[in-house]
Amino acid sequence: MRLVLMGGSLRAASLNARLLGYLARALEARGHEVSTFSGEALRLPLYEDGEPPSAEVQDLHATLTKTQGLLIVSPEYNAGIPGHLKNAVDWLSTMKPSPWSGLPVLLCAASPGAFGGARGLMAWRATLANMGALALPEAITVPHADQQLDSEGAPTDTRTAASVPRTLDAFLALVARLR
């Protein structure tokens, strides 16, 4: 399958970028074709109606229109969507063909807090549904990620580590049924 992973914060030491890298490697090890957009690749011009999309936005759009599934690995900023990721979504929502309609999405988050970024994923669900994307009901969340992600981004907590492959399996099954 062709899959895209998008997310992480703009910080060099982003916990979500570390988790994104781990998930990308896990999917590649399963034989999937993976493209990632993280960090500087998501430092896009602010969306403004009537302005043409930049080359970076066009590249993201071209990649998403060819993908079979998307994993969003998102920090939680005040229980919401980080500005740089919302900006990317806003750009993509104006482009034709829409990459969102019917797109299977797996939401993921890592946070130093006890909820693992789950509160921020609620905002993502409403935004994705509005654009016609289909978010898997399950999500990958890593609470206390500053202590429970190893240097490669793998969860070290036994329960979280066991849930990652199960959630990936459920997402890949959804993608196979829909795309």
N, C-alpha and C. Protein backbone atom coordinates (compact mmCIF):
# COMPACT_ATOMS: atom_id res chain seq x y z
N MET A 1 0.83 -1.19 0.00
CA MET A 1 0.00 0.00 0.00
C MET A 1 0.87 1.25 0.00
N ARG A 2 0.34 2.30 -0.59
CA ARG A 2 1.00 3.62 -0.55
C ARG A 2 0.40 4.40 0.62
N LEU A 3 1.25 4.76 1.57
CA LEU A 3 0.79 5.46 2.76
C LEU A 3 1.58 6.73 2.97
N VAL A 4 0.92 7.74 3.52
CA VAL A 4 1.57 9.00 3.86
C VAL A 4 1.47 9.19 5.37
N LEU A 5 2.56 9.64 5.97
CA LEU A 5 2.56 10.05 7.36
C LEU A 5 2.85 11.54 7.40
N MET A 6 2.02 12.26 8.15
CA MET A 6 2.15 13.71 8.23
C MET A 6 2.06 14.10 9.70
N GLY A 7 2.97 14.96 10.14
CA GLY A 7 2.85 15.44 11.51
C GLY A 7 4.15 15.81 12.17
N GLY A 8 4.13 15.68 13.46
CA GLY A 8 5.23 16.16 14.26
C GLY A 8 5.11 17.65 14.47
N SER A 9 5.86 18.14 15.43
CA SER A 9 5.87 19.59 15.62
C SER A 9 7.02 20.17 14.81
N LEU A 10 7.21 21.45 14.89
CA LEU A 10 8.31 22.09 14.17
C LEU A 10 9.61 22.05 14.98
N ARG A 11 9.54 21.58 16.23
CA ARG A 11 10.74 21.49 17.06
C ARG A 11 11.62 20.33 16.63
N ALA A 12 12.92 20.51 16.73
CA ALA A 12 13.86 19.44 16.36
C ALA A 12 13.69 18.21 17.25
N ALA A 13 13.37 18.39 18.51
CA ALA A 13 13.25 17.27 19.46
C ALA A 13 11.81 16.83 19.64
N SER A 14 10.99 16.95 18.63
CA SER A 14 9.57 16.63 18.71
C SER A 14 9.33 15.16 19.06
N LEU A 15 8.53 14.93 20.10
CA LEU A 15 8.14 13.56 20.45
C LEU A 15 7.29 12.95 19.34
N ASN A 16 6.43 13.76 18.74
CA ASN A 16 5.57 13.25 17.67
C ASN A 16 6.35 12.93 16.41
N ALA A 17 7.38 13.71 16.11
CA ALA A 17 8.24 13.38 14.96
C ALA A 17 8.97 12.06 15.21
N ARG A 18 9.37 11.84 16.46
CA ARG A 18 10.04 10.58 16.81
C ARG A 18 9.07 9.40 16.63
N LEU A 19 7.83 9.56 17.11
CA LEU A 19 6.81 8.51 16.92
C LEU A 19 6.52 8.32 15.44
N LEU A 20 6.42 9.40 14.68
CA LEU A 20 6.18 9.31 13.24
C LEU A 20 7.27 8.48 12.56
N GLY A 21 8.52 8.73 12.92
CA GLY A 21 9.62 7.95 12.33
C GLY A 21 9.51 6.47 12.64
N TYR A 22 9.16 6.16 13.88
CA TYR A 22 8.99 4.76 14.28
C TYR A 22 7.87 4.10 13.47
N LEU A 23 6.73 4.79 13.36
CA LEU A 23 5.60 4.22 12.62
C LEU A 23 5.95 4.05 11.14
N ALA A 24 6.66 5.01 10.57
CA ALA A 24 7.08 4.90 9.16
C ALA A 24 7.96 3.66 8.96
N ARG A 25 8.92 3.46 9.85
CA ARG A 25 9.80 2.29 9.73
C ARG A 25 9.01 0.98 9.92
N ALA A 26 8.05 0.98 10.85
CA ALA A 26 7.24 -0.22 11.09
C ALA A 26 6.42 -0.57 9.85
N LEU A 27 5.87 0.44 9.19
CA LEU A 27 5.08 0.20 7.98
C LEU A 27 5.96 -0.22 6.81
N GLU A 28 7.13 0.38 6.69
CA GLU A 28 8.07 -0.04 5.64
C GLU A 28 8.51 -1.49 5.85
N ALA A 29 8.71 -1.88 7.11
CA ALA A 29 9.11 -3.26 7.42
C ALA A 29 8.01 -4.25 7.03
N ARG A 30 6.78 -3.78 6.97
CA ARG A 30 5.65 -4.62 6.54
C ARG A 30 5.50 -4.62 5.02
N GLY A 31 6.37 -3.90 4.32
CA GLY A 31 6.35 -3.89 2.87
C GLY A 31 5.56 -2.76 2.22
N HIS A 32 5.15 -1.77 2.99
CA HIS A 32 4.37 -0.66 2.44
C HIS A 32 5.28 0.46 1.94
N GLU A 33 4.81 1.18 0.93
CA GLU A 33 5.50 2.35 0.40
C GLU A 33 5.08 3.55 1.24
N VAL A 34 6.06 4.22 1.86
CA VAL A 34 5.76 5.27 2.83
C VAL A 34 6.39 6.59 2.40
N SER A 35 5.60 7.67 2.46
CA SER A 35 6.09 9.04 2.28
C SER A 35 5.81 9.78 3.58
N THR A 36 6.75 10.63 3.99
CA THR A 36 6.55 11.38 5.23
C THR A 36 6.67 12.89 4.97
N PHE A 37 5.84 13.63 5.70
CA PHE A 37 5.89 15.08 5.71
C PHE A 37 5.90 15.50 7.17
N SER A 38 7.03 16.03 7.62
CA SER A 38 7.20 16.36 9.02
C SER A 38 8.16 17.54 9.15
N GLY A 39 8.09 18.21 10.28
CA GLY A 39 9.04 19.29 10.57
C GLY A 39 9.05 20.36 9.49
N GLU A 40 10.22 20.65 8.97
CA GLU A 40 10.38 21.73 7.98
C GLU A 40 9.54 21.55 6.73
N ALA A 41 9.23 20.31 6.37
CA ALA A 41 8.40 20.06 5.19
C ALA A 41 6.98 20.60 5.38
N LEU A 42 6.62 20.89 6.63
CA LEU A 42 5.29 21.42 6.92
C LEU A 42 5.33 22.89 7.33
N ARG A 43 6.47 23.52 7.16
CA ARG A 43 6.58 24.96 7.42
C ARG A 43 6.16 25.68 6.14
N LEU A 44 4.85 25.74 5.95
CA LEU A 44 4.26 26.24 4.71
C LEU A 44 3.84 27.70 4.88
N PRO A 45 3.72 28.42 3.75
CA PRO A 45 3.17 29.78 3.85
C PRO A 45 1.76 29.72 4.45
N LEU A 46 1.39 30.74 5.18
CA LEU A 46 0.04 30.76 5.75
C LEU A 46 -0.99 30.80 4.64
N TYR A 47 -2.04 29.99 4.81
CA TYR A 47 -3.11 29.96 3.82
C TYR A 47 -3.79 31.31 3.75
N GLU A 48 -3.98 31.78 2.51
CA GLU A 48 -4.73 33.00 2.27
C GLU A 48 -5.54 32.79 1.01
N ASP A 49 -6.85 32.96 1.12
CA ASP A 49 -7.74 32.76 -0.01
C ASP A 49 -7.29 33.61 -1.20
N GLY A 50 -7.23 32.98 -2.35
CA GLY A 50 -6.84 33.68 -3.56
C GLY A 50 -5.36 33.60 -3.89
N GLU A 51 -4.54 33.20 -2.92
CA GLU A 51 -3.11 33.05 -3.18
C GLU A 51 -2.85 31.67 -3.78
N PRO A 52 -1.91 31.58 -4.73
CA PRO A 52 -1.61 30.26 -5.30
C PRO A 52 -0.83 29.40 -4.30
N PRO A 53 -1.03 28.09 -4.33
CA PRO A 53 -0.28 27.21 -3.43
C PRO A 53 1.20 27.18 -3.82
N SER A 54 2.05 27.10 -2.80
CA SER A 54 3.49 27.03 -3.03
C SER A 54 3.86 25.67 -3.61
N ALA A 55 5.09 25.55 -4.07
CA ALA A 55 5.58 24.27 -4.60
C ALA A 55 5.50 23.17 -3.54
N GLU A 56 5.76 23.53 -2.27
CA GLU A 56 5.70 22.54 -1.19
C GLU A 56 4.27 22.05 -0.98
N VAL A 57 3.31 22.95 -1.05
CA VAL A 57 1.90 22.58 -0.90
C VAL A 57 1.49 21.71 -2.08
N GLN A 58 1.92 22.05 -3.28
CA GLN A 58 1.59 21.26 -4.46
C GLN A 58 2.18 19.85 -4.37
N ASP A 59 3.39 19.74 -3.82
CA ASP A 59 4.02 18.42 -3.64
C ASP A 59 3.23 17.58 -2.64
N LEU A 60 2.83 18.19 -1.53
CA LEU A 60 2.02 17.48 -0.54
C LEU A 60 0.70 17.04 -1.15
N HIS A 61 0.06 17.92 -1.89
CA HIS A 61 -1.21 17.59 -2.55
C HIS A 61 -1.04 16.43 -3.53
N ALA A 62 -0.01 16.50 -4.36
CA ALA A 62 0.21 15.44 -5.35
C ALA A 62 0.43 14.09 -4.67
N THR A 63 1.17 14.09 -3.58
CA THR A 63 1.44 12.85 -2.86
C THR A 63 0.16 12.32 -2.20
N LEU A 64 -0.62 13.21 -1.58
CA LEU A 64 -1.84 12.76 -0.91
C LEU A 64 -2.90 12.27 -1.89
N THR A 65 -2.97 12.83 -3.08
CA THR A 65 -3.98 12.37 -4.03
C THR A 65 -3.66 10.97 -4.55
N LYS A 66 -2.41 10.53 -4.40
CA LYS A 66 -2.02 9.19 -4.85
C LYS A 66 -1.99 8.17 -3.72
N THR A 67 -2.15 8.62 -2.48
CA THR A 67 -2.01 7.70 -1.36
C THR A 67 -3.28 6.89 -1.14
N GLN A 68 -3.11 5.77 -0.47
CA GLN A 68 -4.26 4.93 -0.11
C GLN A 68 -4.70 5.17 1.33
N GLY A 69 -3.80 5.71 2.16
CA GLY A 69 -4.14 5.97 3.55
C GLY A 69 -3.18 6.99 4.15
N LEU A 70 -3.65 7.69 5.17
CA LEU A 70 -2.87 8.74 5.82
C LEU A 70 -2.81 8.50 7.31
N LEU A 71 -1.62 8.62 7.88
CA LEU A 71 -1.44 8.64 9.33
C LEU A 71 -1.08 10.06 9.71
N ILE A 72 -1.84 10.65 10.61
CA ILE A 72 -1.54 11.97 11.13
C ILE A 72 -1.00 11.76 12.54
N VAL A 73 0.23 12.24 12.77
CA VAL A 73 0.87 12.11 14.08
C VAL A 73 0.98 13.53 14.63
N SER A 74 0.07 13.87 15.52
CA SER A 74 -0.14 15.26 15.87
C SER A 74 0.15 15.57 17.33
N PRO A 75 0.92 16.62 17.56
CA PRO A 75 1.00 17.14 18.92
C PRO A 75 -0.36 17.68 19.34
N GLU A 76 -0.53 17.89 20.63
CA GLU A 76 -1.75 18.50 21.15
C GLU A 76 -1.38 19.88 21.67
N TYR A 77 -1.92 20.91 21.05
CA TYR A 77 -1.68 22.28 21.50
C TYR A 77 -2.97 22.80 22.10
N ASN A 78 -3.01 22.91 23.42
CA ASN A 78 -4.20 23.40 24.12
C ASN A 78 -5.46 22.62 23.70
N ALA A 79 -5.32 21.30 23.69
CA ALA A 79 -6.41 20.38 23.34
C ALA A 79 -6.91 20.58 21.91
N GLY A 80 -6.06 21.06 21.02
CA GLY A 80 -6.47 21.30 19.64
C GLY A 80 -5.41 20.91 18.63
N ILE A 81 -5.63 21.32 17.40
CA ILE A 81 -4.75 21.02 16.27
C ILE A 81 -3.66 22.08 16.21
N PRO A 82 -2.39 21.68 16.11
CA PRO A 82 -1.31 22.67 15.98
C PRO A 82 -1.48 23.50 14.70
N GLY A 83 -1.12 24.77 14.79
CA GLY A 83 -1.32 25.71 13.69
C GLY A 83 -0.69 25.27 12.38
N HIS A 84 0.54 24.74 12.43
CA HIS A 84 1.20 24.38 11.17
C HIS A 84 0.50 23.21 10.47
N LEU A 85 -0.08 22.28 11.25
CA LEU A 85 -0.80 21.17 10.63
C LEU A 85 -2.17 21.62 10.12
N LYS A 86 -2.85 22.47 10.87
CA LYS A 86 -4.14 23.01 10.40
C LYS A 86 -3.93 23.83 9.14
N ASN A 87 -2.84 24.57 9.06
CA ASN A 87 -2.52 25.35 7.87
C ASN A 87 -2.36 24.44 6.65
N ALA A 88 -1.67 23.31 6.82
CA ALA A 88 -1.50 22.36 5.72
C ALA A 88 -2.85 21.82 5.28
N VAL A 89 -3.69 21.47 6.25
CA VAL A 89 -5.03 20.96 5.94
C VAL A 89 -5.84 22.01 5.20
N ASP A 90 -5.76 23.26 5.63
CA ASP A 90 -6.51 24.33 4.98
C ASP A 90 -6.08 24.50 3.53
N TRP A 91 -4.78 24.48 3.26
CA TRP A 91 -4.30 24.56 1.88
C TRP A 91 -4.88 23.40 1.07
N LEU A 92 -4.73 22.19 1.59
CA LEU A 92 -5.17 21.00 0.85
C LEU A 92 -6.67 20.98 0.61
N SER A 93 -7.43 21.56 1.52
CA SER A 93 -8.89 21.53 1.38
C SER A 93 -9.39 22.39 0.23
N THR A 94 -8.54 23.27 -0.29
CA THR A 94 -8.96 24.15 -1.38
C THR A 94 -8.54 23.62 -2.75
N MET A 95 -7.77 22.54 -2.78
CA MET A 95 -7.19 22.06 -4.03
C MET A 95 -8.03 20.95 -4.64
N LYS A 96 -7.98 20.87 -5.95
CA LYS A 96 -8.72 19.86 -6.71
C LYS A 96 -7.74 18.92 -7.39
N PRO A 97 -8.00 17.63 -7.40
CA PRO A 97 -9.09 16.97 -6.70
C PRO A 97 -8.83 16.96 -5.19
N SER A 98 -9.90 16.86 -4.43
CA SER A 98 -9.75 16.82 -2.98
C SER A 98 -9.06 15.54 -2.56
N PRO A 99 -7.98 15.63 -1.80
CA PRO A 99 -7.34 14.41 -1.32
C PRO A 99 -8.11 13.79 -0.15
N TRP A 100 -9.09 14.49 0.41
CA TRP A 100 -9.73 14.07 1.65
C TRP A 100 -10.91 13.14 1.45
N SER A 101 -11.65 13.29 0.38
CA SER A 101 -12.89 12.55 0.20
C SER A 101 -12.64 11.04 0.21
N GLY A 102 -13.18 10.37 1.24
CA GLY A 102 -13.03 8.93 1.36
C GLY A 102 -11.66 8.44 1.81
N LEU A 103 -10.77 9.35 2.19
CA LEU A 103 -9.41 8.97 2.59
C LEU A 103 -9.41 8.35 3.99
N PRO A 104 -8.93 7.10 4.13
CA PRO A 104 -8.80 6.51 5.46
C PRO A 104 -7.65 7.19 6.22
N VAL A 105 -7.90 7.53 7.48
CA VAL A 105 -6.92 8.24 8.30
C VAL A 105 -6.79 7.55 9.65
N LEU A 106 -5.55 7.38 10.08
CA LEU A 106 -5.26 6.91 11.44
C LEU A 106 -4.66 8.08 12.21
N LEU A 107 -5.29 8.41 13.33
CA LEU A 107 -4.81 9.50 14.17
C LEU A 107 -3.87 8.95 15.24
N CYS A 108 -2.76 9.66 15.45
CA CYS A 108 -1.74 9.25 16.41
C CYS A 108 -1.25 10.49 17.15
N ALA A 109 -0.84 10.30 18.40
CA ALA A 109 -0.31 11.43 19.17
C ALA A 109 0.58 10.90 20.28
N ALA A 110 1.56 11.72 20.62
CA ALA A 110 2.43 11.46 21.77
C ALA A 110 2.50 12.74 22.58
N SER A 111 2.42 12.59 23.89
CA SER A 111 2.43 13.77 24.75
C SER A 111 3.07 13.43 26.09
N PRO A 112 3.74 14.41 26.70
CA PRO A 112 4.25 14.16 28.05
C PRO A 112 3.12 14.02 29.08
N GLY A 113 1.91 14.41 28.73
CA GLY A 113 0.79 14.35 29.65
C GLY A 113 0.19 12.96 29.77
N ALA A 114 -0.74 12.84 30.71
CA ALA A 114 -1.34 11.54 31.01
C ALA A 114 -2.31 11.05 29.95
N PHE A 115 -2.83 11.95 29.10
CA PHE A 115 -3.79 11.54 28.08
C PHE A 115 -3.15 11.20 26.74
N GLY A 116 -1.86 11.41 26.60
CA GLY A 116 -1.16 11.02 25.38
C GLY A 116 -1.57 11.76 24.13
N GLY A 117 -2.11 12.96 24.28
CA GLY A 117 -2.53 13.74 23.12
C GLY A 117 -3.93 13.45 22.65
N ALA A 118 -4.66 12.60 23.37
CA ALA A 118 -6.00 12.18 22.93
C ALA A 118 -6.98 13.35 22.82
N ARG A 119 -6.84 14.36 23.68
CA ARG A 119 -7.79 15.49 23.61
C ARG A 119 -7.64 16.25 22.29
N GLY A 120 -6.43 16.40 21.81
CA GLY A 120 -6.21 17.08 20.53
C GLY A 120 -6.76 16.30 19.35
N LEU A 121 -6.81 14.98 19.47
CA LEU A 121 -7.31 14.16 18.37
C LEU A 121 -8.82 14.34 18.17
N MET A 122 -9.52 14.76 19.21
CA MET A 122 -10.96 15.02 19.07
C MET A 122 -11.20 16.14 18.06
N ALA A 123 -10.40 17.18 18.10
CA ALA A 123 -10.53 18.28 17.14
C ALA A 123 -10.24 17.79 15.72
N TRP A 124 -9.26 16.90 15.59
CA TRP A 124 -8.94 16.34 14.28
C TRP A 124 -10.14 15.59 13.70
N ARG A 125 -10.83 14.84 14.53
CA ARG A 125 -11.96 14.03 14.02
C ARG A 125 -13.03 14.91 13.38
N ALA A 126 -13.37 16.01 14.02
CA ALA A 126 -14.38 16.92 13.47
C ALA A 126 -13.90 17.52 12.15
N THR A 127 -12.66 17.95 12.10
CA THR A 127 -12.11 18.56 10.89
C THR A 127 -12.08 17.56 9.74
N LEU A 128 -11.59 16.36 10.01
CA LEU A 128 -11.50 15.33 8.96
C LEU A 128 -12.89 14.92 8.46
N ALA A 129 -13.84 14.76 9.36
CA ALA A 129 -15.19 14.39 8.95
C ALA A 129 -15.81 15.47 8.07
N ASN A 130 -15.55 16.71 8.40
CA ASN A 130 -16.07 17.83 7.60
C ASN A 130 -15.57 17.78 6.16
N MET A 131 -14.36 17.25 5.96
CA MET A 131 -13.78 17.19 4.61
C MET A 131 -14.06 15.86 3.92
N GLY A 132 -14.72 14.93 4.60
CA GLY A 132 -15.06 13.65 3.98
C GLY A 132 -14.05 12.55 4.19
N ALA A 133 -13.03 12.77 5.01
CA ALA A 133 -12.07 11.71 5.34
C ALA A 133 -12.70 10.77 6.35
N LEU A 134 -12.18 9.55 6.42
CA LEU A 134 -12.74 8.52 7.29
C LEU A 134 -11.69 8.12 8.33
N ALA A 135 -11.82 8.67 9.52
CA ALA A 135 -10.86 8.37 10.60
C ALA A 135 -11.23 7.06 11.28
N LEU A 136 -10.24 6.19 11.43
CA LEU A 136 -10.43 4.96 12.18
C LEU A 136 -10.86 5.32 13.61
N PRO A 137 -11.86 4.63 14.18
CA PRO A 137 -12.26 4.95 15.55
C PRO A 137 -11.12 4.81 16.57
N GLU A 138 -10.26 3.82 16.40
CA GLU A 138 -9.11 3.66 17.28
C GLU A 138 -8.04 4.67 16.92
N ALA A 139 -7.16 4.93 17.88
CA ALA A 139 -6.04 5.83 17.65
C ALA A 139 -4.83 5.29 18.38
N ILE A 140 -3.66 5.75 17.99
CA ILE A 140 -2.43 5.43 18.72
C ILE A 140 -2.09 6.65 19.56
N THR A 141 -2.10 6.49 20.87
CA THR A 141 -1.71 7.57 21.77
C THR A 141 -0.63 7.07 22.71
N VAL A 142 0.34 7.92 22.97
CA VAL A 142 1.45 7.57 23.86
C VAL A 142 1.49 8.58 25.00
N PRO A 143 0.93 8.21 26.16
CA PRO A 143 1.02 9.10 27.32
C PRO A 143 2.43 9.08 27.91
N HIS A 144 2.76 10.15 28.60
CA HIS A 144 4.09 10.26 29.24
C HIS A 144 5.20 9.93 28.22
N ALA A 145 5.03 10.44 27.02
CA ALA A 145 5.93 10.09 25.91
C ALA A 145 7.36 10.55 26.16
N ASP A 146 7.54 11.57 26.97
CA ASP A 146 8.90 12.00 27.28
C ASP A 146 9.66 10.92 28.05
N GLN A 147 8.92 10.00 28.68
CA GLN A 147 9.53 8.90 29.42
C GLN A 147 9.27 7.55 28.76
N GLN A 148 8.27 7.47 27.87
CA GLN A 148 7.85 6.18 27.35
C GLN A 148 8.02 6.00 25.85
N LEU A 149 8.90 6.80 25.25
CA LEU A 149 9.34 6.56 23.87
C LEU A 149 10.85 6.38 23.93
N ASP A 150 11.34 5.34 23.28
CA ASP A 150 12.80 5.19 23.25
C ASP A 150 13.38 6.16 22.21
N SER A 151 14.68 6.12 22.03
CA SER A 151 15.35 7.08 21.14
C SER A 151 14.92 6.93 19.68
N GLU A 152 14.38 5.77 19.32
CA GLU A 152 13.91 5.53 17.95
C GLU A 152 12.42 5.80 17.79
N GLY A 153 11.74 6.18 18.89
CA GLY A 153 10.32 6.49 18.82
C GLY A 153 9.40 5.34 19.16
N ALA A 154 9.95 4.19 19.54
CA ALA A 154 9.13 3.04 19.90
C ALA A 154 8.59 3.20 21.33
N PRO A 155 7.31 2.93 21.54
CA PRO A 155 6.77 2.98 22.90
C PRO A 155 7.42 1.90 23.77
N THR A 156 7.77 2.27 24.99
CA THR A 156 8.39 1.31 25.91
C THR A 156 7.39 0.76 26.92
N ASP A 157 6.25 1.43 27.10
CA ASP A 157 5.21 0.92 27.98
C ASP A 157 4.60 -0.32 27.34
N THR A 158 4.49 -1.40 28.09
CA THR A 158 4.04 -2.68 27.56
C THR A 158 2.67 -2.59 26.89
N ARG A 159 1.72 -1.95 27.54
CA ARG A 159 0.37 -1.86 26.98
C ARG A 159 0.34 -1.05 25.69
N THR A 160 1.02 0.10 25.69
CA THR A 160 1.06 0.92 24.48
C THR A 160 1.78 0.19 23.36
N ALA A 161 2.91 -0.42 23.68
CA ALA A 161 3.68 -1.15 22.66
C ALA A 161 2.85 -2.26 22.03
N ALA A 162 2.03 -2.94 22.83
CA ALA A 162 1.20 -4.02 22.30
C ALA A 162 0.04 -3.49 21.46
N SER A 163 -0.44 -2.28 21.78
CA SER A 163 -1.59 -1.75 21.03
C SER A 163 -1.20 -1.21 19.65
N VAL A 164 0.05 -0.80 19.47
CA VAL A 164 0.46 -0.21 18.19
C VAL A 164 0.26 -1.17 17.02
N PRO A 165 0.79 -2.40 17.07
CA PRO A 165 0.57 -3.29 15.91
C PRO A 165 -0.90 -3.64 15.69
N ARG A 166 -1.66 -3.77 16.76
CA ARG A 166 -3.10 -4.06 16.61
C ARG A 166 -3.82 -2.91 15.92
N THR A 167 -3.48 -1.68 16.31
CA THR A 167 -4.13 -0.52 15.70
C THR A 167 -3.68 -0.36 14.25
N LEU A 168 -2.40 -0.59 13.98
CA LEU A 168 -1.94 -0.56 12.58
C LEU A 168 -2.66 -1.61 11.75
N ASP A 169 -2.83 -2.81 12.30
CA ASP A 169 -3.55 -3.86 11.58
C ASP A 169 -4.98 -3.42 11.24
N ALA A 170 -5.67 -2.82 12.22
CA ALA A 170 -7.04 -2.37 11.99
C ALA A 170 -7.08 -1.28 10.92
N PHE A 171 -6.11 -0.37 10.95
CA PHE A 171 -6.06 0.69 9.95
C PHE A 171 -5.78 0.12 8.56
N LEU A 172 -4.82 -0.77 8.46
CA LEU A 172 -4.49 -1.35 7.16
C LEU A 172 -5.66 -2.16 6.60
N ALA A 173 -6.42 -2.81 7.46
CA ALA A 173 -7.62 -3.52 7.01
C ALA A 173 -8.66 -2.54 6.47
N LEU A 174 -8.82 -1.40 7.14
CA LEU A 174 -9.74 -0.37 6.65
C LEU A 174 -9.30 0.14 5.29
N VAL A 175 -8.02 0.43 5.15
CA VAL A 175 -7.49 0.93 3.87
C VAL A 175 -7.72 -0.11 2.78
N ALA A 176 -7.47 -1.37 3.07
CA ALA A 176 -7.66 -2.43 2.07
C ALA A 176 -9.12 -2.52 1.63
N ARG A 177 -10.05 -2.31 2.57
CA ARG A 177 -11.48 -2.39 2.21
C ARG A 177 -11.92 -1.17 1.40
N LEU A 178 -11.35 0.00 1.68
CA LEU A 178 -11.83 1.22 1.06
C LEU A 178 -11.08 1.63 -0.21
N ARG A 179 -9.83 1.24 -0.31
CA ARG A 179 -9.02 1.73 -1.44
C ARG A 179 -8.55 0.59 -2.30
